[in-house]
Amino acid sequence: MELYYDENLAAQILLNEVLKELKLSGKTEEIVKNSNIERILRKLNRIIKRRYSVVKQGVLKKNIFSILRNDYGIQF
């Protein structure tokens, strides 16, 4: 049985998982420096494509960008 999370919560959990895997703290400066944001987005994209249906992929990506913009102040 698959666990169901709200899309915002799922996006936050996924982002935290990637930050932990890449050994990055949640600080904005560390996320932005040395092209870490590109590494984070590539890793997130690979995980999302592997785990989720096409419909959920769009929602999760939108929520992740929203989290990065609102919580970390990163502009795209």
PDB file of N, CA and C in Angstrom:
ATOM      1  N   MET A   1       0.841  -1.179   0.000  1.00  0.00           N
ATOM      2  CA  MET A   1       0.000   0.000   0.000  1.00  0.00           C
ATOM      3  C   MET A   1       0.886   1.242   0.000  1.00  0.00           C
ATOM      4  N   GLU A   2       0.548   2.198  -0.832  1.00  0.00           N
ATOM      5  CA  GLU A   2       1.328   3.412  -0.969  1.00  0.00           C
ATOM      6  C   GLU A   2       0.833   4.474   0.016  1.00  0.00           C
ATOM      7  N   LEU A   3       1.770   5.144   0.661  1.00  0.00           N
ATOM      8  CA  LEU A   3       1.400   6.222   1.575  1.00  0.00           C
ATOM      9  C   LEU A   3       0.950   7.431   0.777  1.00  0.00           C
ATOM     10  N   TYR A   4      -0.027   8.142   1.284  1.00  0.00           N
ATOM     11  CA  TYR A   4      -0.498   9.350   0.633  1.00  0.00           C
ATOM     12  C   TYR A   4      -0.106  10.552   1.482  1.00  0.00           C
ATOM     13  N   TYR A   5       0.548  11.499   0.854  1.00  0.00           N
ATOM     14  CA  TYR A   5       0.877  12.761   1.502  1.00  0.00           C
ATOM     15  C   TYR A   5       0.269  13.888   0.681  1.00  0.00           C
ATOM     16  N   ASP A   6      -0.057  14.960   1.340  1.00  0.00           N
ATOM     17  CA  ASP A   6      -0.433  16.174   0.656  1.00  0.00           C
ATOM     18  C   ASP A   6       0.728  16.561  -0.267  1.00  0.00           C
ATOM     19  N   GLU A   7       0.431  17.121  -1.428  1.00  0.00           N
ATOM     20  CA  GLU A   7       1.482  17.432  -2.399  1.00  0.00           C
ATOM     21  C   GLU A   7       2.537  18.383  -1.840  1.00  0.00           C
ATOM     22  N   ASN A   8       2.123  19.360  -1.031  1.00  0.00           N
ATOM     23  CA  ASN A   8       3.095  20.282  -0.441  1.00  0.00           C
ATOM     24  C   ASN A   8       4.023  19.559   0.527  1.00  0.00           C
ATOM     25  N   LEU A   9       3.468  18.685   1.327  1.00  0.00           N
ATOM     26  CA  LEU A   9       4.273  17.923   2.275  1.00  0.00           C
ATOM     27  C   LEU A   9       5.205  16.970   1.534  1.00  0.00           C
ATOM     28  N   ALA A  10       4.699  16.324   0.497  1.00  0.00           N
ATOM     29  CA  ALA A  10       5.530  15.413  -0.298  1.00  0.00           C
ATOM     30  C   ALA A  10       6.693  16.165  -0.937  1.00  0.00           C
ATOM     31  N   ALA A  11       6.440  17.373  -1.434  1.00  0.00           N
ATOM     32  CA  ALA A  11       7.501  18.180  -2.040  1.00  0.00           C
ATOM     33  C   ALA A  11       8.546  18.566  -0.995  1.00  0.00           C
ATOM     34  N   GLN A  12       8.104  18.946   0.198  1.00  0.00           N
ATOM     35  CA  GLN A  12       9.034  19.321   1.265  1.00  0.00           C
ATOM     36  C   GLN A  12       9.872  18.126   1.704  1.00  0.00           C
ATOM     37  N   ILE A  13       9.252  16.966   1.847  1.00  0.00           N
ATOM     38  CA  ILE A  13       9.975  15.754   2.235  1.00  0.00           C
ATOM     39  C   ILE A  13      11.005  15.395   1.176  1.00  0.00           C
ATOM     40  N   LEU A  14      10.616  15.479  -0.080  1.00  0.00           N
ATOM     41  CA  LEU A  14      11.518  15.158  -1.184  1.00  0.00           C
ATOM     42  C   LEU A  14      12.700  16.119  -1.228  1.00  0.00           C
ATOM     43  N   LEU A  15      12.441  17.404  -1.047  1.00  0.00           N
ATOM     44  CA  LEU A  15      13.514  18.398  -1.036  1.00  0.00           C
ATOM     45  C   LEU A  15      14.467  18.144   0.127  1.00  0.00           C
ATOM     46  N   ASN A  16      13.934  17.863   1.305  1.00  0.00           N
ATOM     47  CA  ASN A  16      14.786  17.568   2.464  1.00  0.00           C
ATOM     48  C   ASN A  16      15.616  16.313   2.240  1.00  0.00           C
ATOM     49  N   GLU A  17      15.028  15.317   1.597  1.00  0.00           N
ATOM     50  CA  GLU A  17      15.736  14.074   1.293  1.00  0.00           C
ATOM     51  C   GLU A  17      16.928  14.344   0.367  1.00  0.00           C
ATOM     52  N   VAL A  18      16.718  15.164  -0.653  1.00  0.00           N
ATOM     53  CA  VAL A  18      17.792  15.483  -1.600  1.00  0.00           C
ATOM     54  C   VAL A  18      18.868  16.327  -0.926  1.00  0.00           C
ATOM     55  N   LEU A  19      18.480  17.301  -0.118  1.00  0.00           N
ATOM     56  CA  LEU A  19      19.466  18.120   0.593  1.00  0.00           C
ATOM     57  C   LEU A  19      20.323  17.254   1.507  1.00  0.00           C
ATOM     58  N   LYS A  20      19.699  16.315   2.188  1.00  0.00           N
ATOM     59  CA  LYS A  20      20.437  15.415   3.081  1.00  0.00           C
ATOM     60  C   LYS A  20      21.375  14.516   2.283  1.00  0.00           C
ATOM     61  N   GLU A  21      20.890  13.993   1.165  1.00  0.00           N
ATOM     62  CA  GLU A  21      21.699  13.107   0.329  1.00  0.00           C
ATOM     63  C   GLU A  21      22.909  13.837  -0.259  1.00  0.00           C
ATOM     64  N   LEU A  22      22.723  15.107  -0.611  1.00  0.00           N
ATOM     65  CA  LEU A  22      23.824  15.901  -1.158  1.00  0.00           C
ATOM     66  C   LEU A  22      24.669  16.543  -0.054  1.00  0.00           C
ATOM     67  N   LYS A  23      24.331  16.243   1.196  1.00  0.00           N
ATOM     68  CA  LYS A  23      25.044  16.760   2.370  1.00  0.00           C
ATOM     69  C   LYS A  23      25.070  18.289   2.393  1.00  0.00           C
ATOM     70  N   LEU A  24      23.908  18.882   2.159  1.00  0.00           N
ATOM     71  CA  LEU A  24      23.757  20.330   2.202  1.00  0.00           C
ATOM     72  C   LEU A  24      22.828  20.691   3.354  1.00  0.00           C
ATOM     73  N   SER A  25      23.118  21.801   3.997  1.00  0.00           N
ATOM     74  CA  SER A  25      22.190  22.275   5.028  1.00  0.00           C
ATOM     75  C   SER A  25      21.059  23.013   4.320  1.00  0.00           C
ATOM     76  N   GLY A  26      20.084  23.419   5.042  1.00  0.00           N
ATOM     77  CA  GLY A  26      18.956  24.125   4.455  1.00  0.00           C
ATOM     78  C   GLY A  26      19.179  25.614   4.317  1.00  0.00           C
ATOM     79  N   LYS A  27      20.430  26.065   4.449  1.00  0.00           N
ATOM     80  CA  LYS A  27      20.717  27.495   4.373  1.00  0.00           C
ATOM     81  C   LYS A  27      20.708  27.954   2.916  1.00  0.00           C
ATOM     82  N   THR A  28      20.101  29.111   2.683  1.00  0.00           N
ATOM     83  CA  THR A  28      19.981  29.648   1.331  1.00  0.00           C
ATOM     84  C   THR A  28      21.336  29.835   0.674  1.00  0.00           C
ATOM     85  N   GLU A  29      22.316  30.346   1.411  1.00  0.00           N
ATOM     86  CA  GLU A  29      23.636  30.615   0.838  1.00  0.00           C
ATOM     87  C   GLU A  29      24.275  29.329   0.320  1.00  0.00           C
ATOM     88  N   GLU A  30      24.135  28.255   1.068  1.00  0.00           N
ATOM     89  CA  GLU A  30      24.743  26.989   0.668  1.00  0.00           C
ATOM     90  C   GLU A  30      24.019  26.384  -0.534  1.00  0.00           C
ATOM     91  N   ILE A  31      22.728  26.594  -0.608  1.00  0.00           N
ATOM     92  CA  ILE A  31      21.964  26.063  -1.732  1.00  0.00           C
ATOM     93  C   ILE A  31      22.342  26.782  -3.025  1.00  0.00           C
ATOM     94  N   VAL A  32      22.557  28.080  -2.958  1.00  0.00           N
ATOM     95  CA  VAL A  32      22.809  28.875  -4.155  1.00  0.00           C
ATOM     96  C   VAL A  32      24.256  28.782  -4.627  1.00  0.00           C
ATOM     97  N   LYS A  33      25.217  28.675  -3.717  1.00  0.00           N
ATOM     98  CA  LYS A  33      26.629  28.736  -4.111  1.00  0.00           C
ATOM     99  C   LYS A  33      27.083  27.485  -4.855  1.00  0.00           C
ATOM    100  N   ASN A  34      28.099  27.655  -5.669  1.00  0.00           N
ATOM    101  CA  ASN A  34      28.762  26.562  -6.390  1.00  0.00           C
ATOM    102  C   ASN A  34      27.807  25.689  -7.196  1.00  0.00           C
ATOM    103  N   SER A  35      26.821  26.285  -7.792  1.00  0.00           N
ATOM    104  CA  SER A  35      25.862  25.563  -8.651  1.00  0.00           C
ATOM    105  C   SER A  35      25.114  24.456  -7.921  1.00  0.00           C
ATOM    106  N   ASN A  36      24.986  24.565  -6.620  1.00  0.00           N
ATOM    107  CA  ASN A  36      24.245  23.547  -5.872  1.00  0.00           C
ATOM    108  C   ASN A  36      22.782  23.494  -6.280  1.00  0.00           C
ATOM    109  N   ILE A  37      22.204  24.636  -6.647  1.00  0.00           N
ATOM    110  CA  ILE A  37      20.788  24.646  -7.028  1.00  0.00           C
ATOM    111  C   ILE A  37      20.563  23.775  -8.259  1.00  0.00           C
ATOM    112  N   GLU A  38      21.513  23.808  -9.212  1.00  0.00           N
ATOM    113  CA  GLU A  38      21.385  22.963 -10.402  1.00  0.00           C
ATOM    114  C   GLU A  38      21.475  21.489 -10.030  1.00  0.00           C
ATOM    115  N   ARG A  39      22.396  21.148  -9.146  1.00  0.00           N
ATOM    116  CA  ARG A  39      22.525  19.760  -8.689  1.00  0.00           C
ATOM    117  C   ARG A  39      21.252  19.305  -7.991  1.00  0.00           C
ATOM    118  N   ILE A  40      20.709  20.165  -7.152  1.00  0.00           N
ATOM    119  CA  ILE A  40      19.482  19.846  -6.418  1.00  0.00           C
ATOM    120  C   ILE A  40      18.331  19.607  -7.395  1.00  0.00           C
ATOM    121  N   LEU A  41      18.166  20.512  -8.359  1.00  0.00           N
ATOM    122  CA  LEU A  41      17.058  20.389  -9.301  1.00  0.00           C
ATOM    123  C   LEU A  41      17.196  19.162 -10.195  1.00  0.00           C
ATOM    124  N   ARG A  42      18.419  18.854 -10.639  1.00  0.00           N
ATOM    125  CA  ARG A  42      18.634  17.648 -11.455  1.00  0.00           C
ATOM    126  C   ARG A  42      18.278  16.389 -10.669  1.00  0.00           C
ATOM    127  N   LYS A  43      18.745  16.333  -9.428  1.00  0.00           N
ATOM    128  CA  LYS A  43      18.482  15.159  -8.579  1.00  0.00           C
ATOM    129  C   LYS A  43      16.979  15.022  -8.307  1.00  0.00           C
ATOM    130  N   LEU A  44      16.328  16.136  -7.982  1.00  0.00           N
ATOM    131  CA  LEU A  44      14.886  16.117  -7.746  1.00  0.00           C
ATOM    132  C   LEU A  44      14.143  15.627  -8.986  1.00  0.00           C
ATOM    133  N   ASN A  45      14.543  16.119 -10.150  1.00  0.00           N
ATOM    134  CA  ASN A  45      13.887  15.736 -11.395  1.00  0.00           C
ATOM    135  C   ASN A  45      14.011  14.233 -11.647  1.00  0.00           C
ATOM    136  N   ARG A  46      15.204  13.674 -11.422  1.00  0.00           N
ATOM    137  CA  ARG A  46      15.403  12.236 -11.609  1.00  0.00           C
ATOM    138  C   ARG A  46      14.521  11.419 -10.662  1.00  0.00           C
ATOM    139  N   ILE A  47      14.479  11.831  -9.404  1.00  0.00           N
ATOM    140  CA  ILE A  47      13.675  11.103  -8.416  1.00  0.00           C
ATOM    141  C   ILE A  47      12.190  11.197  -8.752  1.00  0.00           C
ATOM    142  N   ILE A  48      11.725  12.382  -9.105  1.00  0.00           N
ATOM    143  CA  ILE A  48      10.310  12.588  -9.423  1.00  0.00           C
ATOM    144  C   ILE A  48       9.910  11.758 -10.637  1.00  0.00           C
ATOM    145  N   LYS A  49      10.748  11.745 -11.679  1.00  0.00           N
ATOM    146  CA  LYS A  49      10.429  10.962 -12.877  1.00  0.00           C
ATOM    147  C   LYS A  49      10.358   9.475 -12.572  1.00  0.00           C
ATOM    148  N   ARG A  50      11.204   9.014 -11.666  1.00  0.00           N
ATOM    149  CA  ARG A  50      11.257   7.597 -11.335  1.00  0.00           C
ATOM    150  C   ARG A  50      10.082   7.171 -10.450  1.00  0.00           C
ATOM    151  N   ARG A  51       9.670   8.021  -9.524  1.00  0.00           N
ATOM    152  CA  ARG A  51       8.696   7.613  -8.507  1.00  0.00           C
ATOM    153  C   ARG A  51       7.240   7.957  -8.803  1.00  0.00           C
ATOM    154  N   TYR A  52       6.993   8.998  -9.590  1.00  0.00           N
ATOM    155  CA  TYR A  52       5.636   9.531  -9.674  1.00  0.00           C
ATOM    156  C   TYR A  52       5.075   9.506 -11.093  1.00  0.00           C
ATOM    157  N   SER A  53       3.753   9.496 -11.187  1.00  0.00           N
ATOM    158  CA  SER A  53       3.065   9.553 -12.481  1.00  0.00           C
ATOM    159  C   SER A  53       3.246  10.943 -13.084  1.00  0.00           C
ATOM    160  N   VAL A  54       2.946  11.045 -14.367  1.00  0.00           N
ATOM    161  CA  VAL A  54       3.128  12.307 -15.085  1.00  0.00           C
ATOM    162  C   VAL A  54       2.300  13.425 -14.455  1.00  0.00           C
ATOM    163  N   VAL A  55       1.101  13.122 -14.042  1.00  0.00           N
ATOM    164  CA  VAL A  55       0.229  14.135 -13.438  1.00  0.00           C
ATOM    165  C   VAL A  55       0.834  14.654 -12.138  1.00  0.00           C
ATOM    166  N   LYS A  56       1.301  13.755 -11.284  1.00  0.00           N
ATOM    167  CA  LYS A  56       1.891  14.164 -10.004  1.00  0.00           C
ATOM    168  C   LYS A  56       3.217  14.885 -10.199  1.00  0.00           C
ATOM    169  N   GLN A  57       3.953  14.565 -11.270  1.00  0.00           N
ATOM    170  CA  GLN A  57       5.247  15.192 -11.513  1.00  0.00           C
ATOM    171  C   GLN A  57       5.113  16.704 -11.616  1.00  0.00           C
ATOM    172  N   GLY A  58       4.145  17.163 -12.393  1.00  0.00           N
ATOM    173  CA  GLY A  58       3.945  18.599 -12.566  1.00  0.00           C
ATOM    174  C   GLY A  58       3.594  19.295 -11.262  1.00  0.00           C
ATOM    175  N   VAL A  59       2.730  18.683 -10.484  1.00  0.00           N
ATOM    176  CA  VAL A  59       2.308  19.265  -9.205  1.00  0.00           C
ATOM    177  C   VAL A  59       3.490  19.335  -8.244  1.00  0.00           C
ATOM    178  N   LEU A  60       4.264  18.257  -8.152  1.00  0.00           N
ATOM    179  CA  LEU A  60       5.415  18.241  -7.246  1.00  0.00           C
ATOM    180  C   LEU A  60       6.459  19.275  -7.647  1.00  0.00           C
ATOM    181  N   LYS A  61       6.746  19.368  -8.941  1.00  0.00           N
ATOM    182  CA  LYS A  61       7.734  20.349  -9.406  1.00  0.00           C
ATOM    183  C   LYS A  61       7.278  21.768  -9.092  1.00  0.00           C
ATOM    184  N   LYS A  62       5.998  22.046  -9.318  1.00  0.00           N
ATOM    185  CA  LYS A  62       5.458  23.372  -9.015  1.00  0.00           C
ATOM    186  C   LYS A  62       5.598  23.677  -7.528  1.00  0.00           C
ATOM    187  N   ASN A  63       5.288  22.704  -6.685  1.00  0.00           N
ATOM    188  CA  ASN A  63       5.385  22.901  -5.240  1.00  0.00           C
ATOM    189  C   ASN A  63       6.828  23.058  -4.777  1.00  0.00           C
ATOM    190  N   ILE A  64       7.752  22.331  -5.388  1.00  0.00           N
ATOM    191  CA  ILE A  64       9.165  22.465  -5.023  1.00  0.00           C
ATOM    192  C   ILE A  64       9.674  23.852  -5.382  1.00  0.00           C
ATOM    193  N   PHE A  65       9.328  24.343  -6.578  1.00  0.00           N
ATOM    194  CA  PHE A  65       9.735  25.696  -6.956  1.00  0.00           C
ATOM    195  C   PHE A  65       9.124  26.722  -6.010  1.00  0.00           C
ATOM    196  N   SER A  66       7.882  26.491  -5.608  1.00  0.00           N
ATOM    197  CA  SER A  66       7.220  27.390  -4.673  1.00  0.00           C
ATOM    198  C   SER A  66       7.931  27.399  -3.319  1.00  0.00           C
ATOM    199  N   ILE A  67       8.326  26.232  -2.827  1.00  0.00           N
ATOM    200  CA  ILE A  67       9.055  26.137  -1.556  1.00  0.00           C
ATOM    201  C   ILE A  67      10.392  26.858  -1.659  1.00  0.00           C
ATOM    202  N   LEU A  68      11.122  26.617  -2.744  1.00  0.00           N
ATOM    203  CA  LEU A  68      12.425  27.270  -2.910  1.00  0.00           C
ATOM    204  C   LEU A  68      12.268  28.785  -2.994  1.00  0.00           C
ATOM    205  N   ARG A  69      11.216  29.248  -3.662  1.00  0.00           N
ATOM    206  CA  ARG A  69      10.992  30.682  -3.799  1.00  0.00           C
ATOM    207  C   ARG A  69      10.550  31.297  -2.473  1.00  0.00           C
ATOM    208  N   ASN A  70       9.587  30.687  -1.805  1.00  0.00           N
ATOM    209  CA  ASN A  70       9.010  31.276  -0.595  1.00  0.00           C
ATOM    210  C   ASN A  70       9.864  31.068   0.650  1.00  0.00           C
ATOM    211  N   ASP A  71      10.379  29.867   0.856  1.00  0.00           N
ATOM    212  CA  ASP A  71      11.115  29.558   2.084  1.00  0.00           C
ATOM    213  C   ASP A  71      12.588  29.944   2.012  1.00  0.00           C
ATOM    214  N   TYR A  72      13.169  29.832   0.821  1.00  0.00           N
ATOM    215  CA  TYR A  72      14.606  30.086   0.690  1.00  0.00           C
ATOM    216  C   TYR A  72      14.915  31.383  -0.052  1.00  0.00           C
ATOM    217  N   GLY A  73      13.916  32.036  -0.624  1.00  0.00           N
ATOM    218  CA  GLY A  73      14.116  33.309  -1.305  1.00  0.00           C
ATOM    219  C   GLY A  73      14.859  33.193  -2.622  1.00  0.00           C
ATOM    220  N   ILE A  74      14.819  32.033  -3.253  1.00  0.00           N
ATOM    221  CA  ILE A  74      15.525  31.819  -4.511  1.00  0.00           C
ATOM    222  C   ILE A  74      14.597  32.201  -5.655  1.00  0.00           C
ATOM    223  N   GLN A  75      15.078  33.068  -6.538  1.00  0.00           N
ATOM    224  CA  GLN A  75      14.295  33.508  -7.690  1.00  0.00           C
ATOM    225  C   GLN A  75      14.741  32.769  -8.938  1.00  0.00           C
ATOM    226  N   PHE A  76      13.789  32.358  -9.748  1.00  0.00           N
ATOM    227  CA  PHE A  76      14.090  31.635 -10.984  1.00  0.00           C
ATOM    228  C   PHE A  76      13.792  32.494 -12.176  1.00  0.00           C
TER     229      PHE A  76
END
